[in-house]
Amino acid sequence: MAAKGSSRTQPSKAVYRRRRLVLLLAVVLMLGVLIWGGSALAGALRSDNDASASEAFLAAPDSSSPSSPQSSAPGSAGASDPAASGKSEEPDTKCPPASVKVAASTDAPAYPAGSNPLLTLSVTNTGTAPCEINVGTNQMEFIVTSGSDRIFSSADCQDGGADLMKEFAAGATEKANFTWERLRSAPGCGAVASNPNPGWYVFTARLGEVTSEKAVFQLD
């Protein structure tokens, strides 16, 4: 006897087509939702970035604004800025060379043996207004000559020097003294062979670029 088995009805082709169509529509719907969500997010990000850029632009200084550092004050168009040009606003207080007079003198016309001459450099402001003169030791020089022979210079063996700006009233005079010990010197403080002999000598004073007239004296 043949066994009884349960018979199953196979779905028709039309059922298969419907199932595939439903599945395809579900996939398309999910893709649409994902695409819409991504577009919305991108749009929101663009909006935020645009807002931030606008805020930054509005916050930036306007170079054409009167309060901008680059703009000139009213009525000063074309004026130069002393700080920008590197020029100091302070006036030049130095005496012009034409107002500086240097003189040379000695404390005696002649000196006996064993007596050392006192040489004096005098500087005068011959201008009509107060001004400053550099009377530092690196500006001064006491020079002794005999004919064409350069006997002595205080700059030969000077150890360093310094600037000293000093204010001179109009017509004011300042003096500096130097005792010459009858010694010969050489540039660079080199060695010398002999000392000066009795005779006539000339003292000349120099301060910066200004040189005095000659002062003549005698050594016994």
C-alpha atoms as a PDB file:
ATOM      1  CA  MET A   1       0.000   0.000   0.000  1.00  0.00           C
ATOM      2  CA  ALA A   2       1.390   3.364  -0.884  1.00  0.00           C
ATOM      3  CA  ALA A   3       2.078   5.821   2.019  1.00  0.00           C
ATOM      4  CA  LYS A   4       0.057   8.978   2.168  1.00  0.00           C
ATOM      5  CA  GLY A   5       2.112  12.166   1.947  1.00  0.00           C
ATOM      6  CA  SER A   6       1.051  15.769   2.394  1.00  0.00           C
ATOM      7  CA  SER A   7       0.885  17.601  -0.849  1.00  0.00           C
ATOM      8  CA  ARG A   8       2.127  21.246  -0.981  1.00  0.00           C
ATOM      9  CA  THR A   9       0.943  23.757  -3.483  1.00  0.00           C
ATOM     10  CA  GLN A  10       3.866  25.515  -5.191  1.00  0.00           C
ATOM     11  CA  PRO A  11       3.537  29.346  -5.366  1.00  0.00           C
ATOM     12  CA  SER A  12       2.799  30.575  -8.774  1.00  0.00           C
ATOM     13  CA  LYS A  13       5.135  32.812 -10.786  1.00  0.00           C
ATOM     14  CA  ALA A  14       2.810  35.738 -10.206  1.00  0.00           C
ATOM     15  CA  VAL A  15       3.312  35.444  -6.437  1.00  0.00           C
ATOM     16  CA  TYR A  16       7.088  35.445  -6.870  1.00  0.00           C
ATOM     17  CA  ARG A  17       6.921  38.594  -8.970  1.00  0.00           C
ATOM     18  CA  ARG A  18       4.808  40.380  -6.341  1.00  0.00           C
ATOM     19  CA  ARG A  19       7.210  39.446  -3.545  1.00  0.00           C
ATOM     20  CA  ARG A  20      10.205  40.706  -5.499  1.00  0.00           C
ATOM     21  CA  LEU A  21       8.393  43.958  -6.290  1.00  0.00           C
ATOM     22  CA  VAL A  22       7.541  44.554  -2.603  1.00  0.00           C
ATOM     23  CA  LEU A  23      11.153  43.887  -1.577  1.00  0.00           C
ATOM     24  CA  LEU A  24      12.465  46.230  -4.294  1.00  0.00           C
ATOM     25  CA  LEU A  25      10.100  49.019  -3.167  1.00  0.00           C
ATOM     26  CA  ALA A  26      11.256  48.605   0.456  1.00  0.00           C
ATOM     27  CA  VAL A  27      14.918  48.919  -0.591  1.00  0.00           C
ATOM     28  CA  VAL A  28      14.189  51.997  -2.694  1.00  0.00           C
ATOM     29  CA  LEU A  29      12.266  53.571   0.191  1.00  0.00           C
ATOM     30  CA  MET A  30      15.167  52.986   2.623  1.00  0.00           C
ATOM     31  CA  LEU A  31      17.669  54.481   0.177  1.00  0.00           C
ATOM     32  CA  GLY A  32      15.453  57.530  -0.233  1.00  0.00           C
ATOM     33  CA  VAL A  33      15.254  58.033   3.514  1.00  0.00           C
ATOM     34  CA  LEU A  34      19.057  57.781   3.836  1.00  0.00           C
ATOM     35  CA  ILE A  35      19.693  60.213   0.962  1.00  0.00           C
ATOM     36  CA  TRP A  36      17.210  62.747   2.369  1.00  0.00           C
ATOM     37  CA  GLY A  37      18.758  62.522   5.825  1.00  0.00           C
ATOM     38  CA  GLY A  38      22.280  63.094   4.449  1.00  0.00           C
ATOM     39  CA  SER A  39      21.148  66.086   2.399  1.00  0.00           C
ATOM     40  CA  ALA A  40      19.446  67.647   5.414  1.00  0.00           C
ATOM     41  CA  LEU A  41      22.575  67.189   7.537  1.00  0.00           C
ATOM     42  CA  ALA A  42      24.810  68.691   4.860  1.00  0.00           C
ATOM     43  CA  GLY A  43      22.462  71.628   4.519  1.00  0.00           C
ATOM     44  CA  ALA A  44      22.534  72.241   8.248  1.00  0.00           C
ATOM     45  CA  LEU A  45      26.338  72.140   8.270  1.00  0.00           C
ATOM     46  CA  ARG A  46      26.501  74.593   5.375  1.00  0.00           C
ATOM     47  CA  SER A  47      24.163  76.952   7.168  1.00  0.00           C
ATOM     48  CA  ASP A  48      26.294  76.886  10.329  1.00  0.00           C
ATOM     49  CA  ASN A  49      29.495  77.522   8.367  1.00  0.00           C
ATOM     50  CA  ASP A  50      27.933  80.368   6.434  1.00  0.00           C
ATOM     51  CA  ALA A  51      26.743  81.959   9.682  1.00  0.00           C
ATOM     52  CA  SER A  52      30.195  81.659  11.252  1.00  0.00           C
ATOM     53  CA  ALA A  53      31.864  83.195   8.201  1.00  0.00           C
ATOM     54  CA  SER A  54      29.410  86.085   8.223  1.00  0.00           C
ATOM     55  CA  GLU A  55      30.020  86.747  11.919  1.00  0.00           C
ATOM     56  CA  ALA A  56      33.793  86.709  11.394  1.00  0.00           C
ATOM     57  CA  PHE A  57      33.541  89.147   8.479  1.00  0.00           C
ATOM     58  CA  LEU A  58      31.368  91.537  10.463  1.00  0.00           C
ATOM     59  CA  ALA A  59      33.777  91.394  13.394  1.00  0.00           C
ATOM     60  CA  ALA A  60      36.807  92.256  11.251  1.00  0.00           C
ATOM     61  CA  PRO A  61      37.936  95.936  11.411  1.00  0.00           C
ATOM     62  CA  ASP A  62      36.997  98.139   8.491  1.00  0.00           C
ATOM     63  CA  SER A  63      40.175  99.604   7.017  1.00  0.00           C
ATOM     64  CA  SER A  64      38.191 102.588   5.771  1.00  0.00           C
ATOM     65  CA  SER A  65      36.775 103.388   9.203  1.00  0.00           C
ATOM     66  CA  PRO A  66      37.968 106.699  10.768  1.00  0.00           C
ATOM     67  CA  SER A  67      38.843 104.795  13.938  1.00  0.00           C
ATOM     68  CA  SER A  68      41.148 102.408  12.081  1.00  0.00           C
ATOM     69  CA  PRO A  69      44.854 102.735  13.024  1.00  0.00           C
ATOM     70  CA  GLN A  70      45.723 103.177   9.336  1.00  0.00           C
ATOM     71  CA  SER A  71      43.494 106.206   8.901  1.00  0.00           C
ATOM     72  CA  SER A  72      44.726 109.757   9.457  1.00  0.00           C
ATOM     73  CA  ALA A  73      43.202 112.153  11.944  1.00  0.00           C
ATOM     74  CA  PRO A  74      40.973 114.871  10.489  1.00  0.00           C
ATOM     75  CA  GLY A  75      43.036 117.595   8.894  1.00  0.00           C
ATOM     76  CA  SER A  76      46.255 115.541   8.898  1.00  0.00           C
ATOM     77  CA  ALA A  77      45.923 113.887   5.510  1.00  0.00           C
ATOM     78  CA  GLY A  78      49.367 113.233   4.052  1.00  0.00           C
ATOM     79  CA  ALA A  79      51.144 113.878   7.368  1.00  0.00           C
ATOM     80  CA  SER A  80      53.906 111.411   8.156  1.00  0.00           C
ATOM     81  CA  ASP A  81      54.065 109.468  11.386  1.00  0.00           C
ATOM     82  CA  PRO A  82      57.389 110.227  13.188  1.00  0.00           C
ATOM     83  CA  ALA A  83      57.491 106.738  14.718  1.00  0.00           C
ATOM     84  CA  ALA A  84      56.845 105.073  11.345  1.00  0.00           C
ATOM     85  CA  SER A  85      59.460 107.189   9.558  1.00  0.00           C
ATOM     86  CA  GLY A  86      62.083 106.478  12.223  1.00  0.00           C
ATOM     87  CA  LYS A  87      62.525 110.174  13.069  1.00  0.00           C
ATOM     88  CA  SER A  88      62.548 111.320  16.653  1.00  0.00           C
ATOM     89  CA  GLU A  89      60.156 114.031  17.748  1.00  0.00           C
ATOM     90  CA  GLU A  90      62.783 115.424  20.123  1.00  0.00           C
ATOM     91  CA  PRO A  91      64.579 118.523  18.794  1.00  0.00           C
ATOM     92  CA  ASP A  92      68.318 118.397  18.139  1.00  0.00           C
ATOM     93  CA  THR A  93      69.936 120.101  21.150  1.00  0.00           C
ATOM     94  CA  LYS A  94      73.547 119.832  19.956  1.00  0.00           C
ATOM     95  CA  CYS A  95      75.431 123.038  19.258  1.00  0.00           C
ATOM     96  CA  PRO A  96      76.143 123.552  15.552  1.00  0.00           C
ATOM     97  CA  PRO A  97      79.885 123.399  14.775  1.00  0.00           C
ATOM     98  CA  ALA A  98      79.879 127.078  13.850  1.00  0.00           C
ATOM     99  CA  SER A  99      78.820 127.922  17.431  1.00  0.00           C
ATOM    100  CA  VAL A 100      81.641 125.946  19.097  1.00  0.00           C
ATOM    101  CA  LYS A 101      84.895 127.784  19.730  1.00  0.00           C
ATOM    102  CA  VAL A 102      87.994 126.057  21.158  1.00  0.00           C
ATOM    103  CA  ALA A 103      90.937 128.006  22.607  1.00  0.00           C
ATOM    104  CA  ALA A 104      94.377 126.939  23.874  1.00  0.00           C
ATOM    105  CA  SER A 105      96.344 128.654  26.640  1.00  0.00           C
ATOM    106  CA  THR A 106      99.110 128.020  29.183  1.00  0.00           C
ATOM    107  CA  ASP A 107      99.461 129.261  32.765  1.00  0.00           C
ATOM    108  CA  ALA A 108     102.778 130.951  31.991  1.00  0.00           C
ATOM    109  CA  PRO A 109     104.710 132.130  28.936  1.00  0.00           C
ATOM    110  CA  ALA A 110     107.929 130.385  30.051  1.00  0.00           C
ATOM    111  CA  TYR A 111     108.892 127.570  32.421  1.00  0.00           C
ATOM    112  CA  PRO A 112     112.166 127.115  34.290  1.00  0.00           C
ATOM    113  CA  ALA A 113     113.795 123.725  34.498  1.00  0.00           C
ATOM    114  CA  GLY A 114     111.774 121.360  36.677  1.00  0.00           C
ATOM    115  CA  SER A 115     108.506 123.279  36.152  1.00  0.00           C
ATOM    116  CA  ASN A 116     105.770 121.568  34.132  1.00  0.00           C
ATOM    117  CA  PRO A 117     103.426 123.580  31.874  1.00  0.00           C
ATOM    118  CA  LEU A 118      99.699 123.584  32.651  1.00  0.00           C
ATOM    119  CA  LEU A 119      97.842 123.358  29.330  1.00  0.00           C
ATOM    120  CA  THR A 120      94.230 124.606  29.245  1.00  0.00           C
ATOM    121  CA  LEU A 121      91.548 123.766  26.678  1.00  0.00           C
ATOM    122  CA  SER A 122      88.611 126.207  26.693  1.00  0.00           C
ATOM    123  CA  VAL A 123      85.329 125.627  24.852  1.00  0.00           C
ATOM    124  CA  THR A 124      82.698 128.348  24.331  1.00  0.00           C
ATOM    125  CA  ASN A 125      79.168 128.363  22.968  1.00  0.00           C
ATOM    126  CA  THR A 126      79.245 131.417  20.715  1.00  0.00           C
ATOM    127  CA  GLY A 127      75.601 130.990  19.693  1.00  0.00           C
ATOM    128  CA  THR A 128      72.585 132.925  20.956  1.00  0.00           C
ATOM    129  CA  ALA A 129      70.725 129.955  22.485  1.00  0.00           C
ATOM    130  CA  PRO A 130      71.604 127.162  24.945  1.00  0.00           C
ATOM    131  CA  CYS A 131      72.821 123.931  23.362  1.00  0.00           C
ATOM    132  CA  GLU A 132      74.848 120.816  24.171  1.00  0.00           C
ATOM    133  CA  ILE A 133      78.511 120.124  23.428  1.00  0.00           C
ATOM    134  CA  ASN A 134      80.293 116.782  23.751  1.00  0.00           C
ATOM    135  CA  VAL A 135      83.169 117.496  26.154  1.00  0.00           C
ATOM    136  CA  GLY A 136      84.039 113.843  26.807  1.00  0.00           C
ATOM    137  CA  THR A 137      87.633 112.688  27.178  1.00  0.00           C
ATOM    138  CA  ASN A 138      87.452 110.898  23.821  1.00  0.00           C
ATOM    139  CA  GLN A 139      86.818 114.282  22.168  1.00  0.00           C
ATOM    140  CA  MET A 140      89.715 116.200  23.768  1.00  0.00           C
ATOM    141  CA  GLU A 141      93.311 116.304  22.573  1.00  0.00           C
ATOM    142  CA  PHE A 142      96.259 118.359  23.890  1.00  0.00           C
ATOM    143  CA  ILE A 143      98.994 118.597  21.241  1.00  0.00           C
ATOM    144  CA  VAL A 144     102.525 119.961  21.646  1.00  0.00           C
ATOM    145  CA  THR A 145     104.761 120.577  18.642  1.00  0.00           C
ATOM    146  CA  SER A 146     108.095 122.226  17.893  1.00  0.00           C
ATOM    147  CA  GLY A 147     108.295 123.384  14.303  1.00  0.00           C
ATOM    148  CA  SER A 148     107.391 120.347  12.186  1.00  0.00           C
ATOM    149  CA  ASP A 149     108.235 117.954  15.023  1.00  0.00           C
ATOM    150  CA  ARG A 150     105.225 116.410  16.741  1.00  0.00           C
ATOM    151  CA  ILE A 151     106.362 116.213  20.349  1.00  0.00           C
ATOM    152  CA  PHE A 152     103.345 115.080  22.355  1.00  0.00           C
ATOM    153  CA  SER A 153      99.622 114.214  22.116  1.00  0.00           C
ATOM    154  CA  SER A 154      97.377 113.316  25.041  1.00  0.00           C
ATOM    155  CA  ALA A 155      95.597 110.830  22.747  1.00  0.00           C
ATOM    156  CA  ASP A 156      98.714 108.700  22.172  1.00  0.00           C
ATOM    157  CA  CYS A 157      98.589 106.813  25.480  1.00  0.00           C
ATOM    158  CA  GLN A 158      94.985 107.482  26.485  1.00  0.00           C
ATOM    159  CA  ASP A 159      93.357 104.379  27.930  1.00  0.00           C
ATOM    160  CA  GLY A 160      89.822 104.500  26.567  1.00  0.00           C
ATOM    161  CA  GLY A 161      87.564 107.534  26.693  1.00  0.00           C
ATOM    162  CA  ALA A 162      83.962 108.526  27.119  1.00  0.00           C
ATOM    163  CA  ASP A 163      81.354 110.913  25.752  1.00  0.00           C
ATOM    164  CA  LEU A 164      79.960 113.653  27.977  1.00  0.00           C
ATOM    165  CA  MET A 165      77.154 115.828  26.643  1.00  0.00           C
ATOM    166  CA  LYS A 166      76.959 119.079  28.595  1.00  0.00           C
ATOM    167  CA  GLU A 167      74.581 122.002  28.141  1.00  0.00           C
ATOM    168  CA  PHE A 168      76.182 125.383  27.517  1.00  0.00           C
ATOM    169  CA  ALA A 169      74.274 128.611  27.957  1.00  0.00           C
ATOM    170  CA  ALA A 170      74.715 131.205  25.220  1.00  0.00           C
ATOM    171  CA  GLY A 171      78.225 132.658  25.602  1.00  0.00           C
ATOM    172  CA  ALA A 172      79.217 130.156  28.343  1.00  0.00           C
ATOM    173  CA  THR A 173      82.781 128.806  28.571  1.00  0.00           C
ATOM    174  CA  GLU A 174      84.126 125.614  30.174  1.00  0.00           C
ATOM    175  CA  LYS A 175      87.783 124.680  30.697  1.00  0.00           C
ATOM    176  CA  ALA A 176      89.830 121.483  30.972  1.00  0.00           C
ATOM    177  CA  ASN A 177      93.406 121.414  32.272  1.00  0.00           C
ATOM    178  CA  PHE A 178      96.258 119.039  31.484  1.00  0.00           C
ATOM    179  CA  THR A 179      99.718 119.061  33.095  1.00  0.00           C
ATOM    180  CA  TRP A 180     102.398 118.210  30.546  1.00  0.00           C
ATOM    181  CA  GLU A 181     105.378 116.554  32.208  1.00  0.00           C
ATOM    182  CA  ARG A 182     107.814 117.480  29.423  1.00  0.00           C
ATOM    183  CA  LEU A 183     107.634 113.995  27.944  1.00  0.00           C
ATOM    184  CA  ARG A 184     107.591 112.981  24.299  1.00  0.00           C
ATOM    185  CA  SER A 185     104.950 110.506  23.053  1.00  0.00           C
ATOM    186  CA  ALA A 186     104.267 108.520  19.896  1.00  0.00           C
ATOM    187  CA  PRO A 187     101.042 107.295  18.268  1.00  0.00           C
ATOM    188  CA  GLY A 188      99.880 104.035  19.813  1.00  0.00           C
ATOM    189  CA  CYS A 189     101.970 104.815  22.900  1.00  0.00           C
ATOM    190  CA  GLY A 190     105.104 103.545  21.195  1.00  0.00           C
ATOM    191  CA  ALA A 191     108.571 103.913  22.651  1.00  0.00           C
ATOM    192  CA  VAL A 192     110.395 107.242  22.295  1.00  0.00           C
ATOM    193  CA  ALA A 193     114.133 107.841  22.116  1.00  0.00           C
ATOM    194  CA  SER A 194     114.480 111.169  23.923  1.00  0.00           C
ATOM    195  CA  ASN A 195     112.584 113.889  25.763  1.00  0.00           C
ATOM    196  CA  PRO A 196     112.178 117.515  24.646  1.00  0.00           C
ATOM    197  CA  ASN A 197     115.076 119.922  25.057  1.00  0.00           C
ATOM    198  CA  PRO A 198     114.818 123.553  26.188  1.00  0.00           C
ATOM    199  CA  GLY A 199     113.319 125.757  23.493  1.00  0.00           C
ATOM    200  CA  TRP A 200     110.082 127.176  22.076  1.00  0.00           C
ATOM    201  CA  TYR A 201     106.976 125.004  21.810  1.00  0.00           C
ATOM    202  CA  VAL A 202     103.430 125.313  20.489  1.00  0.00           C
ATOM    203  CA  PHE A 203     100.317 124.024  22.228  1.00  0.00           C
ATOM    204  CA  THR A 204      97.170 123.314  20.158  1.00  0.00           C
ATOM    205  CA  ALA A 205      93.848 122.114  21.657  1.00  0.00           C
ATOM    206  CA  ARG A 206      91.261 120.033  19.811  1.00  0.00           C
ATOM    207  CA  LEU A 207      87.671 119.137  20.750  1.00  0.00           C
ATOM    208  CA  GLY A 208      85.995 116.833  18.261  1.00  0.00           C
ATOM    209  CA  GLU A 209      86.423 118.438  14.852  1.00  0.00           C
ATOM    210  CA  VAL A 210      87.168 121.917  16.192  1.00  0.00           C
ATOM    211  CA  THR A 211      90.812 122.975  16.632  1.00  0.00           C
ATOM    212  CA  SER A 212      92.141 126.025  18.471  1.00  0.00           C
ATOM    213  CA  GLU A 213      94.624 128.674  17.514  1.00  0.00           C
ATOM    214  CA  LYS A 214      98.236 128.128  18.597  1.00  0.00           C
ATOM    215  CA  ALA A 215      99.554 129.029  22.047  1.00  0.00           C
ATOM    216  CA  VAL A 216     103.346 129.523  22.193  1.00  0.00           C
ATOM    217  CA  PHE A 217     105.460 128.928  25.329  1.00  0.00           C
ATOM    218  CA  GLN A 218     109.115 128.413  26.270  1.00  0.00           C
ATOM    219  CA  LEU A 219     110.900 125.665  28.189  1.00  0.00           C
ATOM    220  CA  ASP A 220     114.188 126.524  29.951  1.00  0.00           C
END
